[in-house]
Amino acid sequence: MNYADFPLSAPVNVTWEITHKCNLRCIHCLSASNEELLDELTFEECVKVVDQLAELKVFEINFGGGEPFLKDFFLDLVRYINAKGMVTCISTNGIFLNKKIISLLANNPLIHVQVSLDGASPETNDRIRGNGTFEKIVSGIRLLATNHIPFSINTVVTSLNCNELNRIQALARDFGGELRISRFRPSGRARSSWNNLKLDKLQLDALSEWLGNHPGVLTGDSFFSISSKERSELGLDLCGACKMTCCIDPRGSVYPCAFLQSEDFWSGNLRMIPFKKIWDESPVFIRFRRLEPDSCKKCPRFNVCHGGCPAVAFYINHTLNSADPECMATWKNDTLV
């Protein structure tokens, strides 16, 4: 399907980095979150954005940051969104969960919580997320479980924790949650830690096999480049940027995805341009809908991954017209399709 010729009238979901303010300094942070920006969208401006997305019948808003619960009006914004009938998925480090927040999350079928944890033990997790964070995050997970709030543990797979996925999944199950894994990509603060945390070929191979054996594990939309035949049959075979999703940053600027928040991919700002106009007419979005790297078109895996993750390709090869450097086709010699 050529998404440039038959684009969706609106994204299925939108990632919204609601603030850059964060209490942690994770070494793999995609946005290098630190302090709240001086000109982040106000509550009134956020409401106008929500109204636009609701009118377009966007199904879900995925909130990230920074730490969303540090945004002073975040709970009020979630209430407004849910009143519109839209689903919200909130990515949090879990440390600031309290009774007030739990009262909003509990018994609300329109909310799912995703808690970031990057190891099965303090020794691993705290090397990535900071000293003492493991116990604080698990306390937040326990609070969600006690109040029967649906949640998943999200783990960014790195060289430090790739051997702990079974243990992290077991921890999630012990609390009644699911495991979701995210791919480590060199954006934001992760650019500095890429060489130390990226998976080598053996680890990529092991992760591919593990994913094939664990079809129930949730993933983002970037693992198809290392997916086995069994995993690819689930239909995860295409980057969704500008086709099914996009990203809004704290100032209202729109980008193809959360990992491509740079001037090269700025597509407009919602303070000046309606979301619908950006979605329909942005040259960046149209380019992404036509994106088919030349080096991939003759690859036997092309229909499985369509070039893989453009963010990894861009940051490593400095061009979108190249294959995902971690695609299986670059390091496996057996039949892949």
Protein backbone atom coordinates (compact mmCIF):
# COMPACT_ATOMS: atom_id res chain seq x y z
CA MET A 1 0.00 0.00 0.00
CA ASN A 2 1.29 3.45 -0.92
CA TYR A 3 0.32 5.63 2.04
CA ALA A 4 1.05 8.79 0.05
CA ASP A 5 -1.74 7.95 -2.38
CA PHE A 6 -4.17 6.58 0.20
CA PRO A 7 -3.38 8.33 3.50
CA LEU A 8 -5.56 7.92 6.56
CA SER A 9 -7.73 10.95 7.26
CA ALA A 10 -6.18 11.13 10.75
CA PRO A 11 -3.68 9.17 12.83
CA VAL A 12 -4.87 6.23 14.88
CA ASN A 13 -2.87 7.51 17.82
CA VAL A 14 -0.67 10.46 18.66
CA THR A 15 2.36 10.55 20.92
CA TRP A 16 2.38 13.73 22.99
CA GLU A 17 5.51 14.70 24.89
CA ILE A 18 3.57 16.88 27.31
CA THR A 19 6.60 18.29 29.17
CA HIS A 20 10.38 18.10 29.28
CA LYS A 21 10.36 18.37 33.07
CA CYS A 22 11.61 15.18 34.68
CA ASN A 23 12.90 14.01 38.04
CA LEU A 24 15.30 11.51 36.43
CA ARG A 25 18.24 11.77 34.02
CA CYS A 26 18.08 8.40 32.29
CA ILE A 27 21.10 7.85 30.07
CA HIS A 28 18.94 6.59 27.18
CA CYS A 29 16.26 9.32 27.28
CA LEU A 30 14.91 9.91 23.78
CA SER A 31 14.30 13.61 24.40
CA ALA A 32 17.11 14.40 26.87
CA SER A 33 14.44 15.60 29.30
CA ASN A 34 15.55 17.85 32.10
CA GLU A 35 13.71 21.05 32.99
CA GLU A 36 10.32 22.36 31.91
CA LEU A 37 10.60 24.58 28.85
CA LEU A 38 9.58 28.19 29.33
CA ASP A 39 7.08 28.16 26.45
CA GLU A 40 5.39 24.77 26.82
CA LEU A 41 1.73 24.73 25.82
CA THR A 42 -0.70 26.14 28.38
CA PHE A 43 -3.73 24.19 29.57
CA GLU A 44 -5.98 26.25 27.31
CA GLU A 45 -3.76 25.55 24.31
CA CYS A 46 -3.68 21.83 25.12
CA VAL A 47 -7.48 21.76 25.27
CA LYS A 48 -7.62 23.26 21.77
CA VAL A 49 -5.27 20.55 20.53
CA VAL A 50 -7.44 17.86 22.13
CA ASP A 51 -10.54 19.33 20.49
CA GLN A 52 -8.86 19.06 17.09
CA LEU A 53 -7.80 15.46 17.67
CA ALA A 54 -11.24 14.50 18.96
CA GLU A 55 -12.93 16.05 15.93
CA LEU A 56 -10.67 13.95 13.69
CA LYS A 57 -11.61 10.86 15.74
CA VAL A 58 -8.08 10.07 16.85
CA PHE A 59 -8.48 6.94 18.97
CA GLU A 60 -5.65 7.31 21.48
CA ILE A 61 -3.18 9.81 22.89
CA ASN A 62 0.07 8.36 24.26
CA PHE A 63 1.58 10.71 26.81
CA GLY A 64 5.28 10.83 27.50
CA GLY A 65 7.87 13.39 28.41
CA GLY A 66 9.67 14.10 30.65
CA GLU A 67 7.47 12.84 33.42
CA PRO A 68 3.80 13.61 32.60
CA PHE A 69 2.68 13.64 36.23
CA LEU A 70 5.01 16.58 36.90
CA LYS A 71 2.95 18.78 34.57
CA ASP A 72 0.80 20.89 36.87
CA PHE A 73 -2.42 20.57 34.85
CA PHE A 74 -1.89 17.03 33.54
CA LEU A 75 -4.64 15.36 35.58
CA ASP A 76 -7.18 17.96 34.45
CA LEU A 77 -6.12 17.44 30.84
CA VAL A 78 -6.54 13.66 31.10
CA ARG A 79 -10.02 14.16 32.56
CA TYR A 80 -10.91 16.40 29.62
CA ILE A 81 -9.59 13.89 27.09
CA ASN A 82 -11.44 10.98 28.68
CA ALA A 83 -14.64 13.04 28.73
CA LYS A 84 -14.24 13.21 24.96
CA GLY A 85 -14.18 9.40 24.84
CA MET A 86 -10.53 9.17 23.84
CA VAL A 87 -8.13 6.60 25.26
CA THR A 88 -4.99 7.76 27.07
CA CYS A 89 -1.83 5.74 27.57
CA ILE A 90 0.46 7.38 30.12
CA SER A 91 4.17 6.58 30.16
CA THR A 92 5.58 7.28 33.61
CA ASN A 93 8.54 6.33 35.77
CA GLY A 94 6.00 5.55 38.50
CA ILE A 95 7.78 7.45 41.23
CA PHE A 96 5.15 10.17 41.64
CA LEU A 97 2.09 7.93 41.81
CA ASN A 98 -0.02 8.89 44.81
CA LYS A 99 -3.61 8.72 46.09
CA LYS A 100 -4.76 11.69 44.00
CA ILE A 101 -3.37 10.19 40.80
CA ILE A 102 -4.62 6.71 41.64
CA SER A 103 -8.16 8.07 42.11
CA LEU A 104 -8.06 9.29 38.50
CA LEU A 105 -6.60 6.07 37.13
CA ALA A 106 -8.73 3.56 39.04
CA ASN A 107 -11.87 2.13 37.41
CA ASN A 108 -11.22 4.13 34.25
CA PRO A 109 -11.42 1.95 31.12
CA LEU A 110 -9.99 4.76 28.99
CA ILE A 111 -6.62 4.80 30.74
CA HIS A 112 -3.63 2.49 30.47
CA VAL A 113 -0.41 3.08 32.36
CA GLN A 114 3.04 2.19 31.09
CA VAL A 115 5.78 2.17 33.74
CA SER A 116 9.41 2.40 32.67
CA LEU A 117 11.74 -0.14 34.27
CA ASP A 118 15.06 -1.07 32.69
CA GLY A 119 16.26 -4.05 34.65
CA ALA A 120 15.18 -6.97 36.79
CA SER A 121 17.34 -5.73 39.66
CA PRO A 122 18.65 -2.46 41.11
CA GLU A 123 22.10 -3.31 39.80
CA THR A 124 20.92 -3.11 36.19
CA ASN A 125 18.04 -0.65 36.28
CA ASP A 126 19.84 1.93 38.41
CA ARG A 127 22.80 2.07 36.03
CA ILE A 128 20.38 3.40 33.44
CA ARG A 129 17.77 5.31 35.43
CA GLY A 130 19.72 6.45 38.51
CA ASN A 131 20.59 5.22 42.00
CA GLY A 132 17.65 4.10 44.09
CA THR A 133 15.14 4.19 41.24
CA PHE A 134 14.43 0.46 41.06
CA GLU A 135 12.79 0.26 44.48
CA LYS A 136 10.84 3.48 43.92
CA ILE A 137 9.56 2.30 40.54
CA VAL A 138 8.53 -1.11 41.90
CA SER A 139 6.67 0.68 44.72
CA GLY A 140 4.71 2.58 42.06
CA ILE A 141 3.97 -0.65 40.21
CA ARG A 142 2.77 -2.21 43.45
CA LEU A 143 0.41 0.73 43.97
CA LEU A 144 -1.09 0.23 40.50
CA ALA A 145 -1.49 -3.50 41.07
CA THR A 146 -3.10 -3.03 44.49
CA ASN A 147 -5.69 -0.73 42.95
CA HIS A 148 -6.30 -3.04 39.96
CA ILE A 149 -5.19 -0.47 37.40
CA PRO A 150 -4.16 -2.01 34.04
CA PHE A 151 -0.48 -1.43 33.35
CA SER A 152 2.52 -2.68 31.48
CA ILE A 153 6.19 -2.50 32.32
CA ASN A 154 8.12 -0.88 29.49
CA THR A 155 11.76 -1.85 29.06
CA VAL A 156 14.13 -0.28 26.57
CA VAL A 157 16.29 -3.21 25.47
CA THR A 158 20.01 -2.49 25.80
CA SER A 159 23.22 -4.45 26.16
CA LEU A 160 22.82 -4.13 29.93
CA ASN A 161 19.40 -5.75 30.27
CA CYS A 162 18.88 -7.92 27.17
CA ASN A 163 19.59 -11.06 29.22
CA GLU A 164 16.99 -10.13 31.85
CA LEU A 165 13.82 -10.02 29.75
CA ASN A 166 12.45 -13.27 31.17
CA ARG A 167 12.95 -11.97 34.69
CA ILE A 168 11.37 -8.60 33.90
CA GLN A 169 8.41 -10.35 32.30
CA ALA A 170 8.04 -12.52 35.40
CA LEU A 171 8.09 -9.43 37.59
CA ALA A 172 5.35 -7.84 35.48
CA ARG A 173 3.24 -11.00 35.71
CA ASP A 174 3.74 -11.22 39.47
CA PHE A 175 2.02 -7.84 39.74
CA GLY A 176 -0.67 -8.69 37.17
CA GLY A 177 0.79 -6.59 34.37
CA GLU A 178 2.25 -7.11 30.91
CA LEU A 179 5.71 -6.56 29.47
CA ARG A 180 6.27 -4.12 26.64
CA ILE A 181 9.71 -3.68 25.18
CA SER A 182 11.02 -0.68 23.29
CA ARG A 183 13.94 -0.54 20.96
CA PHE A 184 16.99 1.48 21.96
CA ARG A 185 17.48 4.25 19.41
CA PRO A 186 20.15 6.98 19.23
CA SER A 187 18.04 10.09 19.78
CA GLY A 188 18.19 12.63 22.57
CA ARG A 189 20.51 11.67 25.42
CA ALA A 190 20.81 8.19 23.92
CA ARG A 191 23.15 9.51 21.25
CA SER A 192 25.89 9.79 23.86
CA SER A 193 25.27 6.29 25.22
CA TRP A 194 24.60 4.55 21.89
CA ASN A 195 27.97 2.87 21.50
CA ASN A 196 27.90 1.55 25.06
CA LEU A 197 24.28 0.38 25.17
CA LYS A 198 23.48 -0.82 21.64
CA LEU A 199 23.08 -4.54 21.03
CA ASP A 200 25.76 -6.44 19.17
CA LYS A 201 24.92 -8.98 16.46
CA LEU A 202 24.71 -11.92 18.85
CA GLN A 203 22.41 -9.99 21.16
CA LEU A 204 20.22 -8.87 18.24
CA ASP A 205 19.99 -12.48 17.09
CA ALA A 206 19.05 -13.64 20.59
CA LEU A 207 16.45 -10.87 20.92
CA SER A 208 14.93 -11.82 17.57
CA GLU A 209 14.61 -15.44 18.69
CA TRP A 210 13.20 -14.39 22.06
CA LEU A 211 10.54 -12.22 20.43
CA GLY A 212 9.56 -15.10 18.16
CA ASN A 213 9.06 -17.29 21.22
CA HIS A 214 7.07 -14.65 23.12
CA PRO A 215 4.26 -13.47 20.81
CA GLY A 216 2.35 -12.05 23.79
CA VAL A 217 5.03 -9.49 24.61
CA LEU A 218 4.02 -6.02 23.48
CA THR A 219 6.39 -4.00 21.29
CA GLY A 220 6.65 -0.62 19.67
CA ASP A 221 6.53 -0.36 15.89
CA SER A 222 10.26 -0.70 15.24
CA PHE A 223 11.06 -4.35 15.91
CA PHE A 224 9.95 -5.64 12.51
CA SER A 225 13.52 -5.05 11.27
CA ILE A 226 14.69 -7.88 13.55
CA SER A 227 11.49 -9.91 13.57
CA SER A 228 11.53 -13.61 12.79
CA LYS A 229 9.00 -15.05 10.38
CA GLU A 230 6.77 -16.06 13.31
CA ARG A 231 6.76 -12.57 14.76
CA SER A 232 6.25 -10.83 11.42
CA GLU A 233 3.06 -12.81 10.91
CA LEU A 234 1.52 -10.67 13.65
CA GLY A 235 1.44 -7.86 11.08
CA LEU A 236 4.14 -5.63 12.56
CA ASP A 237 5.86 -4.79 9.29
CA LEU A 238 5.98 -1.04 8.76
CA CYS A 239 7.09 2.17 10.43
CA GLY A 240 3.91 3.99 11.40
CA ALA A 241 5.37 7.52 11.38
CA CYS A 242 3.14 9.90 9.39
CA LYS A 243 0.99 6.96 8.34
CA MET A 244 -0.73 5.91 11.55
CA THR A 245 0.90 8.11 14.16
CA CYS A 246 2.98 11.22 14.79
CA CYS A 247 4.40 13.23 17.68
CA ILE A 248 3.58 16.54 19.37
CA ASP A 249 6.29 18.13 21.50
CA PRO A 250 5.76 20.27 24.65
CA ARG A 251 5.70 23.50 22.60
CA GLY A 252 3.13 22.21 20.12
CA SER A 253 5.49 21.37 17.29
CA VAL A 254 4.65 18.27 15.27
CA TYR A 255 7.14 15.63 14.11
CA PRO A 256 6.90 12.20 12.42
CA CYS A 257 7.72 10.40 15.66
CA ALA A 258 9.14 10.95 19.13
CA PHE A 259 12.58 9.83 17.97
CA LEU A 260 12.79 12.40 15.18
CA GLN A 261 12.22 15.62 17.10
CA SER A 262 14.78 17.72 15.25
CA GLU A 263 14.73 20.66 12.86
CA ASP A 264 15.14 18.29 9.91
CA PHE A 265 11.69 16.86 10.59
CA TRP A 266 9.76 19.83 11.97
CA SER A 267 6.36 19.70 10.29
CA GLY A 268 4.53 22.68 11.79
CA ASN A 269 3.38 24.13 15.08
CA LEU A 270 -0.16 23.85 16.42
CA ARG A 271 -0.09 27.40 17.71
CA MET A 272 -0.04 28.52 14.08
CA ILE A 273 -1.29 25.64 11.92
CA PRO A 274 -4.29 23.30 12.47
CA PHE A 275 -3.38 19.68 13.07
CA LYS A 276 -5.43 18.51 10.08
CA LYS A 277 -3.46 20.75 7.72
CA ILE A 278 -0.15 19.41 9.03
CA TRP A 279 -1.35 15.81 8.76
CA ASP A 280 -2.64 16.27 5.21
CA GLU A 281 -0.14 18.69 3.70
CA SER A 282 3.19 18.67 5.53
CA PRO A 283 5.99 17.96 3.02
CA VAL A 284 7.78 15.97 5.73
CA PHE A 285 4.73 13.75 6.29
CA ILE A 286 4.21 13.21 2.57
CA ARG A 287 7.88 12.28 2.21
CA PHE A 288 7.60 9.70 4.99
CA ARG A 289 4.54 8.12 3.39
CA ARG A 290 6.59 7.53 0.25
CA LEU A 291 9.71 6.42 2.07
CA GLU A 292 11.21 3.26 0.59
CA PRO A 293 15.03 3.19 0.90
CA ASP A 294 16.65 2.28 -2.42
CA SER A 295 18.99 -0.18 -0.74
CA CYS A 296 16.01 -2.17 0.58
CA LYS A 297 13.76 -2.61 -2.43
CA LYS A 298 15.48 -5.79 -3.67
CA CYS A 299 15.90 -7.28 -0.20
CA PRO A 300 13.94 -10.50 0.42
CA ARG A 301 12.79 -8.97 3.70
CA PHE A 302 11.40 -5.78 2.17
CA ASN A 303 7.76 -6.78 2.67
CA VAL A 304 8.57 -7.66 6.28
CA CYS A 305 10.11 -4.37 7.41
CA HIS A 306 10.07 -1.84 4.50
CA GLY A 307 13.46 -0.51 5.50
CA GLY A 308 13.08 -0.72 9.27
CA CYS A 309 13.27 2.26 11.59
CA PRO A 310 13.99 5.56 9.78
CA ALA A 311 15.19 7.18 13.03
CA VAL A 312 18.01 4.67 13.48
CA ALA A 313 18.92 4.95 9.79
CA PHE A 314 19.02 8.74 9.96
CA TYR A 315 21.06 9.09 13.12
CA ILE A 316 23.58 6.39 12.16
CA ASN A 317 23.83 6.87 8.38
CA HIS A 318 22.75 10.54 8.24
CA THR A 319 20.17 9.83 5.56
CA LEU A 320 16.65 8.43 5.35
CA ASN A 321 17.48 6.69 2.08
CA SER A 322 19.25 3.79 3.75
CA ALA A 323 18.38 0.61 5.55
CA ASP A 324 17.99 0.37 9.30
CA PRO A 325 21.57 -0.52 10.37
CA GLU A 326 20.25 -3.20 12.73
CA CYS A 327 18.05 -4.91 10.14
CA MET A 328 18.42 -8.71 10.17
CA ALA A 329 19.34 -8.65 6.50
CA THR A 330 22.65 -6.99 7.38
CA TRP A 331 23.81 -9.67 9.83
CA LYS A 332 22.02 -12.94 9.05
CA ASN A 333 22.77 -15.11 6.07
CA ASP A 334 19.98 -17.68 6.25
CA THR A 335 16.55 -17.41 4.67
CA LEU A 336 14.67 -14.62 6.37
CA VAL A 337 11.23 -14.61 4.80
